């Protein structure tokens, strides 16, 4: 009987390197942490898809970064405006 292949999340195997695995863990933890809604300010914002974020409380959806609702460029442009 042939061996069953192991499946790895996001295609990163053990041999991918510690720095890449640490970076992936940091990004995913940041993405899954609670974020504040710009409309109702409750910490219930979740990622709907890449770059689209939605509040589960008030239903407000908005565009943001791929892994965080606000990007560094968006924050700096909001400060200058």
PDB file of N, CA and C in Angstrom:
ATOM      1  N   UNK A   1       0.841  -1.173   0.000  1.00  0.00           N
ATOM      2  CA  UNK A   1       0.000   0.000   0.000  1.00  0.00           C
ATOM      3  C   UNK A   1       0.889   1.241   0.000  1.00  0.00           C
ATOM      4  N   UNK A   2       0.627   2.218  -0.906  1.00  0.00           N
ATOM      5  CA  UNK A   2       1.462   3.423  -0.959  1.00  0.00           C
ATOM      6  C   UNK A   2       1.224   4.313   0.252  1.00  0.00           C
ATOM      7  N   UNK A   3       2.272   5.084   0.586  1.00  0.00           N
ATOM      8  CA  UNK A   3       2.158   6.010   1.705  1.00  0.00           C
ATOM      9  C   UNK A   3       1.238   7.165   1.342  1.00  0.00           C
ATOM     10  N   UNK A   4       0.516   7.649   2.340  1.00  0.00           N
ATOM     11  CA  UNK A   4      -0.354   8.795   2.139  1.00  0.00           C
ATOM     12  C   UNK A   4       0.478  10.070   2.226  1.00  0.00           C
ATOM     13  N   UNK A   5       0.272  10.987   1.289  1.00  0.00           N
ATOM     14  CA  UNK A   5       1.011  12.238   1.288  1.00  0.00           C
ATOM     15  C   UNK A   5       0.450  13.169   2.342  1.00  0.00           C
ATOM     16  N   UNK A   6       1.338  13.873   3.013  1.00  0.00           N
ATOM     17  CA  UNK A   6       0.920  14.858   4.000  1.00  0.00           C
ATOM     18  C   UNK A   6       0.551  16.146   3.288  1.00  0.00           C
ATOM     19  N   UNK A   7      -0.492  16.804   3.777  1.00  0.00           N
ATOM     20  CA  UNK A   7      -0.856  18.094   3.208  1.00  0.00           C
ATOM     21  C   UNK A   7      -0.332  19.196   4.122  1.00  0.00           C
ATOM     22  N   UNK A   8       0.179  20.252   3.549  1.00  0.00           N
ATOM     23  CA  UNK A   8       0.733  21.368   4.294  1.00  0.00           C
ATOM     24  C   UNK A   8      -0.090  22.606   4.009  1.00  0.00           C
ATOM     25  N   UNK A   9      -0.284  23.423   5.030  1.00  0.00           N
ATOM     26  CA  UNK A   9      -1.061  24.634   4.839  1.00  0.00           C
ATOM     27  C   UNK A   9      -0.277  25.646   4.014  1.00  0.00           C
ATOM     28  N   UNK A  10      -0.908  26.210   3.017  1.00  0.00           N
ATOM     29  CA  UNK A  10      -0.340  27.215   2.122  1.00  0.00           C
ATOM     30  C   UNK A  10       0.918  26.741   1.395  1.00  0.00           C
ATOM     31  N   UNK A  11       1.129  25.457   1.312  1.00  0.00           N
ATOM     32  CA  UNK A  11       2.242  24.936   0.552  1.00  0.00           C
ATOM     33  C   UNK A  11       3.604  25.110   1.200  1.00  0.00           C
ATOM     34  N   UNK A  12       3.649  25.516   2.474  1.00  0.00           N
ATOM     35  CA  UNK A  12       4.936  25.694   3.143  1.00  0.00           C
ATOM     36  C   UNK A  12       5.272  24.425   3.918  1.00  0.00           C
ATOM     37  N   UNK A  13       6.353  23.798   3.538  1.00  0.00           N
ATOM     38  CA  UNK A  13       6.773  22.576   4.202  1.00  0.00           C
ATOM     39  C   UNK A  13       7.761  22.897   5.304  1.00  0.00           C
ATOM     40  N   UNK A  14       8.206  21.894   5.989  1.00  0.00           N
ATOM     41  CA  UNK A  14       9.173  22.064   7.063  1.00  0.00           C
ATOM     42  C   UNK A  14      10.477  22.648   6.537  1.00  0.00           C
ATOM     43  N   UNK A  15      10.807  22.332   5.305  1.00  0.00           N
ATOM     44  CA  UNK A  15      12.067  22.803   4.744  1.00  0.00           C
ATOM     45  C   UNK A  15      11.977  24.222   4.184  1.00  0.00           C
ATOM     46  N   UNK A  16      10.885  24.908   4.417  1.00  0.00           N
ATOM     47  CA  UNK A  16      10.719  26.254   3.865  1.00  0.00           C
ATOM     48  C   UNK A  16      11.619  27.268   4.554  1.00  0.00           C
ATOM     49  N   UNK A  17      12.097  26.982   5.758  1.00  0.00           N
ATOM     50  CA  UNK A  17      12.971  27.910   6.457  1.00  0.00           C
ATOM     51  C   UNK A  17      12.245  28.590   7.596  1.00  0.00           C
ATOM     52  N   UNK A  18      12.970  28.807   8.684  1.00  0.00           N
ATOM     53  CA  UNK A  18      12.350  29.348   9.888  1.00  0.00           C
ATOM     54  C   UNK A  18      11.904  30.785   9.694  1.00  0.00           C
ATOM     55  N   UNK A  19      12.655  31.597   8.944  1.00  0.00           N
ATOM     56  CA  UNK A  19      12.275  33.003   8.790  1.00  0.00           C
ATOM     57  C   UNK A  19      10.967  33.132   8.019  1.00  0.00           C
ATOM     58  N   UNK A  20      10.760  32.304   7.004  1.00  0.00           N
ATOM     59  CA  UNK A  20       9.519  32.345   6.238  1.00  0.00           C
ATOM     60  C   UNK A  20       8.353  31.875   7.095  1.00  0.00           C
ATOM     61  N   UNK A  21       8.559  30.832   7.891  1.00  0.00           N
ATOM     62  CA  UNK A  21       7.483  30.336   8.757  1.00  0.00           C
ATOM     63  C   UNK A  21       7.144  31.335   9.854  1.00  0.00           C
ATOM     64  N   UNK A  22       8.136  32.044  10.398  1.00  0.00           N
ATOM     65  CA  UNK A  22       7.871  33.076  11.401  1.00  0.00           C
ATOM     66  C   UNK A  22       7.099  34.241  10.789  1.00  0.00           C
ATOM     67  N   UNK A  23       7.475  34.647   9.585  1.00  0.00           N
ATOM     68  CA  UNK A  23       6.799  35.743   8.909  1.00  0.00           C
ATOM     69  C   UNK A  23       5.348  35.372   8.609  1.00  0.00           C
ATOM     70  N   UNK A  24       5.114  34.146   8.155  1.00  0.00           N
ATOM     71  CA  UNK A  24       3.763  33.684   7.865  1.00  0.00           C
ATOM     72  C   UNK A  24       2.916  33.659   9.129  1.00  0.00           C
ATOM     73  N   UNK A  25       3.487  33.200  10.242  1.00  0.00           N
ATOM     74  CA  UNK A  25       2.767  33.158  11.511  1.00  0.00           C
ATOM     75  C   UNK A  25       2.425  34.559  11.985  1.00  0.00           C
ATOM     76  N   UNK A  26       3.355  35.500  11.853  1.00  0.00           N
ATOM     77  CA  UNK A  26       3.114  36.878  12.272  1.00  0.00           C
ATOM     78  C   UNK A  26       2.001  37.514  11.452  1.00  0.00           C
ATOM     79  N   UNK A  27       2.007  37.296  10.146  1.00  0.00           N
ATOM     80  CA  UNK A  27       0.993  37.871   9.269  1.00  0.00           C
ATOM     81  C   UNK A  27      -0.383  37.287   9.578  1.00  0.00           C
ATOM     82  N   UNK A  28      -0.472  35.972   9.740  1.00  0.00           N
ATOM     83  CA  UNK A  28      -1.765  35.344  10.007  1.00  0.00           C
ATOM     84  C   UNK A  28      -2.305  35.732  11.373  1.00  0.00           C
ATOM     85  N   UNK A  29      -1.442  35.875  12.373  1.00  0.00           N
ATOM     86  CA  UNK A  29      -1.901  36.317  13.688  1.00  0.00           C
ATOM     87  C   UNK A  29      -2.433  37.743  13.626  1.00  0.00           C
ATOM     88  N   UNK A  30      -1.778  38.609  12.875  1.00  0.00           N
ATOM     89  CA  UNK A  30      -2.237  39.988  12.716  1.00  0.00           C
ATOM     90  C   UNK A  30      -3.574  40.025  11.981  1.00  0.00           C
ATOM     91  N   UNK A  31      -3.723  39.179  10.965  1.00  0.00           N
ATOM     92  CA  UNK A  31      -4.952  39.163  10.184  1.00  0.00           C
ATOM     93  C   UNK A  31      -6.135  38.670  11.020  1.00  0.00           C
ATOM     94  N   UNK A  32      -5.918  37.694  11.867  1.00  0.00           N
ATOM     95  CA  UNK A  32      -7.000  37.095  12.644  1.00  0.00           C
ATOM     96  C   UNK A  32      -7.287  37.811  13.955  1.00  0.00           C
ATOM     97  N   UNK A  33      -6.476  38.796  14.309  1.00  0.00           N
ATOM     98  CA  UNK A  33      -6.719  39.532  15.540  1.00  0.00           C
ATOM     99  C   UNK A  33      -7.910  40.477  15.344  1.00  0.00           C
ATOM    100  N   UNK A  34      -8.588  40.865  16.429  1.00  0.00           N
ATOM    101  CA  UNK A  34      -9.745  41.752  16.279  1.00  0.00           C
ATOM    102  C   UNK A  34      -9.328  43.159  15.852  1.00  0.00           C
ATOM    103  N   UNK A  35     -10.072  43.717  14.897  1.00  0.00           N
ATOM    104  CA  UNK A  35      -9.837  45.063  14.398  1.00  0.00           C
ATOM    105  C   UNK A  35     -11.095  45.888  14.627  1.00  0.00           C
ATOM    106  N   UNK A  36     -10.936  47.196  14.811  1.00  0.00           N
ATOM    107  CA  UNK A  36     -12.077  48.078  15.057  1.00  0.00           C
ATOM    108  C   UNK A  36     -12.751  48.474  13.751  1.00  0.00           C
ATOM    109  N   UNK A  37     -14.066  48.534  13.811  1.00  0.00           N
ATOM    110  CA  UNK A  37     -14.864  48.960  12.670  1.00  0.00           C
ATOM    111  C   UNK A  37     -14.786  50.482  12.549  1.00  0.00           C
ATOM    112  N   UNK A  38     -14.584  51.021  11.335  1.00  0.00           N
ATOM    113  CA  UNK A  38     -14.533  52.477  11.189  1.00  0.00           C
ATOM    114  C   UNK A  38     -15.887  53.154  11.405  1.00  0.00           C
ATOM    115  N   UNK A  39     -16.976  52.426  11.296  1.00  0.00           N
ATOM    116  CA  UNK A  39     -18.298  53.021  11.467  1.00  0.00           C
ATOM    117  C   UNK A  39     -18.790  52.915  12.911  1.00  0.00           C
ATOM    118  N   UNK A  40     -18.808  51.708  13.491  1.00  0.00           N
ATOM    119  CA  UNK A  40     -19.389  51.534  14.824  1.00  0.00           C
ATOM    120  C   UNK A  40     -18.328  51.362  15.917  1.00  0.00           C
ATOM    121  N   UNK A  41     -17.078  51.316  15.576  1.00  0.00           N
ATOM    122  CA  UNK A  41     -15.908  51.195  16.467  1.00  0.00           C
ATOM    123  C   UNK A  41     -15.935  49.965  17.371  1.00  0.00           C
ATOM    124  N   UNK A  42     -16.678  48.943  17.014  1.00  0.00           N
ATOM    125  CA  UNK A  42     -16.621  47.699  17.786  1.00  0.00           C
ATOM    126  C   UNK A  42     -15.540  46.803  17.181  1.00  0.00           C
ATOM    127  N   UNK A  43     -14.889  45.970  17.981  1.00  0.00           N
ATOM    128  CA  UNK A  43     -13.784  45.141  17.465  1.00  0.00           C
ATOM    129  C   UNK A  43     -14.287  43.855  16.792  1.00  0.00           C
ATOM    130  N   UNK A  44     -15.131  44.005  15.771  1.00  0.00           N
ATOM    131  CA  UNK A  44     -15.737  42.841  15.133  1.00  0.00           C
ATOM    132  C   UNK A  44     -15.469  42.779  13.637  1.00  0.00           C
ATOM    133  N   UNK A  45     -14.394  43.359  13.168  1.00  0.00           N
ATOM    134  CA  UNK A  45     -14.084  43.362  11.735  1.00  0.00           C
ATOM    135  C   UNK A  45     -13.364  42.069  11.373  1.00  0.00           C
ATOM    136  N   UNK A  46     -13.840  41.429  10.328  1.00  0.00           N
ATOM    137  CA  UNK A  46     -13.245  40.181   9.826  1.00  0.00           C
ATOM    138  C   UNK A  46     -12.946  40.347   8.338  1.00  0.00           C
ATOM    139  N   UNK A  47     -12.004  39.559   7.852  1.00  0.00           N
ATOM    140  CA  UNK A  47     -11.657  39.598   6.436  1.00  0.00           C
ATOM    141  C   UNK A  47     -12.642  38.746   5.658  1.00  0.00           C
ATOM    142  N   UNK A  48     -13.260  39.318   4.630  1.00  0.00           N
ATOM    143  CA  UNK A  48     -14.194  38.582   3.789  1.00  0.00           C
ATOM    144  C   UNK A  48     -13.467  37.912   2.630  1.00  0.00           C
ATOM    145  N   UNK A  49     -12.570  38.640   2.003  1.00  0.00           N
ATOM    146  CA  UNK A  49     -11.694  38.101   0.965  1.00  0.00           C
ATOM    147  C   UNK A  49     -10.471  39.001   0.920  1.00  0.00           C
ATOM    148  N   UNK A  50      -9.599  38.788  -0.045  1.00  0.00           N
ATOM    149  CA  UNK A  50      -8.361  39.557  -0.102  1.00  0.00           C
ATOM    150  C   UNK A  50      -8.680  41.030  -0.346  1.00  0.00           C
ATOM    151  N   UNK A  51      -8.369  41.865   0.639  1.00  0.00           N
ATOM    152  CA  UNK A  51      -8.582  43.295   0.516  1.00  0.00           C
ATOM    153  C   UNK A  51      -9.975  43.780   0.859  1.00  0.00           C
ATOM    154  N   UNK A  52     -10.901  42.884   1.193  1.00  0.00           N
ATOM    155  CA  UNK A  52     -12.260  43.284   1.541  1.00  0.00           C
ATOM    156  C   UNK A  52     -12.535  42.861   2.979  1.00  0.00           C
ATOM    157  N   UNK A  53     -12.917  43.836   3.793  1.00  0.00           N
ATOM    158  CA  UNK A  53     -13.149  43.621   5.213  1.00  0.00           C
ATOM    159  C   UNK A  53     -14.586  43.978   5.539  1.00  0.00           C
ATOM    160  N   UNK A  54     -15.165  43.272   6.528  1.00  0.00           N
ATOM    161  CA  UNK A  54     -16.542  43.538   6.890  1.00  0.00           C
ATOM    162  C   UNK A  54     -16.752  43.435   8.386  1.00  0.00           C
ATOM    163  N   UNK A  55     -17.632  44.290   8.905  1.00  0.00           N
ATOM    164  CA  UNK A  55     -17.984  44.268  10.318  1.00  0.00           C
ATOM    165  C   UNK A  55     -19.142  43.288  10.503  1.00  0.00           C
ATOM    166  N   UNK A  56     -19.004  42.389  11.442  1.00  0.00           N
ATOM    167  CA  UNK A  56     -20.059  41.410  11.683  1.00  0.00           C
ATOM    168  C   UNK A  56     -21.199  41.994  12.506  1.00  0.00           C
ATOM    169  N   UNK A  57     -20.977  43.113  13.163  1.00  0.00           N
ATOM    170  CA  UNK A  57     -22.016  43.724  13.996  1.00  0.00           C
ATOM    171  C   UNK A  57     -22.950  44.620  13.185  1.00  0.00           C
ATOM    172  N   UNK A  58     -22.366  45.581  12.451  1.00  0.00           N
ATOM    173  CA  UNK A  58     -23.217  46.528  11.717  1.00  0.00           C
ATOM    174  C   UNK A  58     -23.341  46.197  10.231  1.00  0.00           C
ATOM    175  N   UNK A  59     -22.552  45.251   9.709  1.00  0.00           N
ATOM    176  CA  UNK A  59     -22.648  44.858   8.312  1.00  0.00           C
ATOM    177  C   UNK A  59     -21.895  45.758   7.344  1.00  0.00           C
ATOM    178  N   UNK A  60     -21.131  46.699   7.856  1.00  0.00           N
ATOM    179  CA  UNK A  60     -20.365  47.625   7.013  1.00  0.00           C
ATOM    180  C   UNK A  60     -19.197  46.884   6.379  1.00  0.00           C
ATOM    181  N   UNK A  61     -19.039  47.014   5.067  1.00  0.00           N
ATOM    182  CA  UNK A  61     -17.892  46.412   4.386  1.00  0.00           C
ATOM    183  C   UNK A  61     -17.093  47.514   3.712  1.00  0.00           C
ATOM    184  N   UNK A  62     -15.790  47.321   3.679  1.00  0.00           N
ATOM    185  CA  UNK A  62     -14.900  48.342   3.135  1.00  0.00           C
ATOM    186  C   UNK A  62     -13.647  47.687   2.599  1.00  0.00           C
ATOM    187  N   UNK A  63     -12.910  48.451   1.798  1.00  0.00           N
ATOM    188  CA  UNK A  63     -11.666  47.960   1.211  1.00  0.00           C
ATOM    189  C   UNK A  63     -10.509  48.309   2.125  1.00  0.00           C
ATOM    190  N   UNK A  64      -9.538  47.429   2.167  1.00  0.00           N
ATOM    191  CA  UNK A  64      -8.349  47.649   2.979  1.00  0.00           C
ATOM    192  C   UNK A  64      -7.182  46.892   2.380  1.00  0.00           C
ATOM    193  N   UNK A  65      -6.226  46.574   3.215  1.00  0.00           N
ATOM    194  CA  UNK A  65      -5.078  45.816   2.754  1.00  0.00           C
ATOM    195  C   UNK A  65      -5.397  44.333   2.661  1.00  0.00           C
ATOM    196  N   UNK A  66      -4.469  43.550   2.155  1.00  0.00           N
ATOM    197  CA  UNK A  66      -4.687  42.126   2.005  1.00  0.00           C
ATOM    198  C   UNK A  66      -4.741  41.422   3.352  1.00  0.00           C
ATOM    199  N   UNK A  67      -3.929  41.853   4.308  1.00  0.00           N
ATOM    200  CA  UNK A  67      -3.870  41.178   5.593  1.00  0.00           C
ATOM    201  C   UNK A  67      -4.287  42.059   6.764  1.00  0.00           C
ATOM    202  N   UNK A  68      -4.412  43.356   6.571  1.00  0.00           N
ATOM    203  CA  UNK A  68      -4.862  44.270   7.620  1.00  0.00           C
ATOM    204  C   UNK A  68      -5.882  45.227   7.017  1.00  0.00           C
ATOM    205  N   UNK A  69      -6.844  45.691   7.812  1.00  0.00           N
ATOM    206  CA  UNK A  69      -7.848  46.598   7.264  1.00  0.00           C
ATOM    207  C   UNK A  69      -7.290  47.948   6.839  1.00  0.00           C
ATOM    208  N   UNK A  70      -6.218  48.410   7.474  1.00  0.00           N
ATOM    209  CA  UNK A  70      -5.597  49.673   7.097  1.00  0.00           C
ATOM    210  C   UNK A  70      -4.150  49.411   6.695  1.00  0.00           C
ATOM    211  N   UNK A  71      -3.742  50.003   5.582  1.00  0.00           N
ATOM    212  CA  UNK A  71      -2.359  49.868   5.145  1.00  0.00           C
ATOM    213  C   UNK A  71      -1.551  51.057   5.642  1.00  0.00           C
ATOM    214  N   UNK A  72      -0.252  50.943   5.605  1.00  0.00           N
ATOM    215  CA  UNK A  72       0.623  52.045   6.022  1.00  0.00           C
ATOM    216  C   UNK A  72       0.431  53.253   5.106  1.00  0.00           C
ATOM    217  N   UNK A  73       0.248  53.018   3.816  1.00  0.00           N
ATOM    218  CA  UNK A  73       0.029  54.111   2.868  1.00  0.00           C
ATOM    219  C   UNK A  73      -1.292  54.816   3.155  1.00  0.00           C
ATOM    220  N   UNK A  74      -2.323  54.063   3.486  1.00  0.00           N
ATOM    221  CA  UNK A  74      -3.615  54.664   3.807  1.00  0.00           C
ATOM    222  C   UNK A  74      -3.563  55.479   5.082  1.00  0.00           C
ATOM    223  N   UNK A  75      -2.814  55.013   6.065  1.00  0.00           N
ATOM    224  CA  UNK A  75      -2.676  55.752   7.305  1.00  0.00           C
ATOM    225  C   UNK A  75      -1.944  57.074   7.087  1.00  0.00           C
ATOM    226  N   UNK A  76      -0.889  57.044   6.278  1.00  0.00           N
ATOM    227  CA  UNK A  76      -0.132  58.277   6.032  1.00  0.00           C
ATOM    228  C   UNK A  76      -0.932  59.256   5.186  1.00  0.00           C
ATOM    229  N   UNK A  77      -1.718  58.781   4.242  1.00  0.00           N
ATOM    230  CA  UNK A  77      -2.531  59.691   3.428  1.00  0.00           C
ATOM    231  C   UNK A  77      -3.675  60.284   4.254  1.00  0.00           C
ATOM    232  N   UNK A  78      -4.188  59.552   5.233  1.00  0.00           N
ATOM    233  CA  UNK A  78      -5.240  60.088   6.098  1.00  0.00           C
ATOM    234  C   UNK A  78      -4.684  61.183   6.997  1.00  0.00           C
ATOM    235  N   UNK A  79      -3.424  61.061   7.402  1.00  0.00           N
ATOM    236  CA  UNK A  79      -2.804  62.081   8.235  1.00  0.00           C
ATOM    237  C   UNK A  79      -2.586  63.383   7.472  1.00  0.00           C
ATOM    238  N   UNK A  80      -2.242  63.282   6.183  1.00  0.00           N
ATOM    239  CA  UNK A  80      -1.965  64.482   5.401  1.00  0.00           C
ATOM    240  C   UNK A  80      -3.243  65.153   4.919  1.00  0.00           C
ATOM    241  N   UNK A  81      -4.328  64.436   4.834  1.00  0.00           N
ATOM    242  CA  UNK A  81      -5.594  65.016   4.335  1.00  0.00           C
ATOM    243  C   UNK A  81      -6.303  65.814   5.401  1.00  0.00           C
TER     244      UNK A  81
END
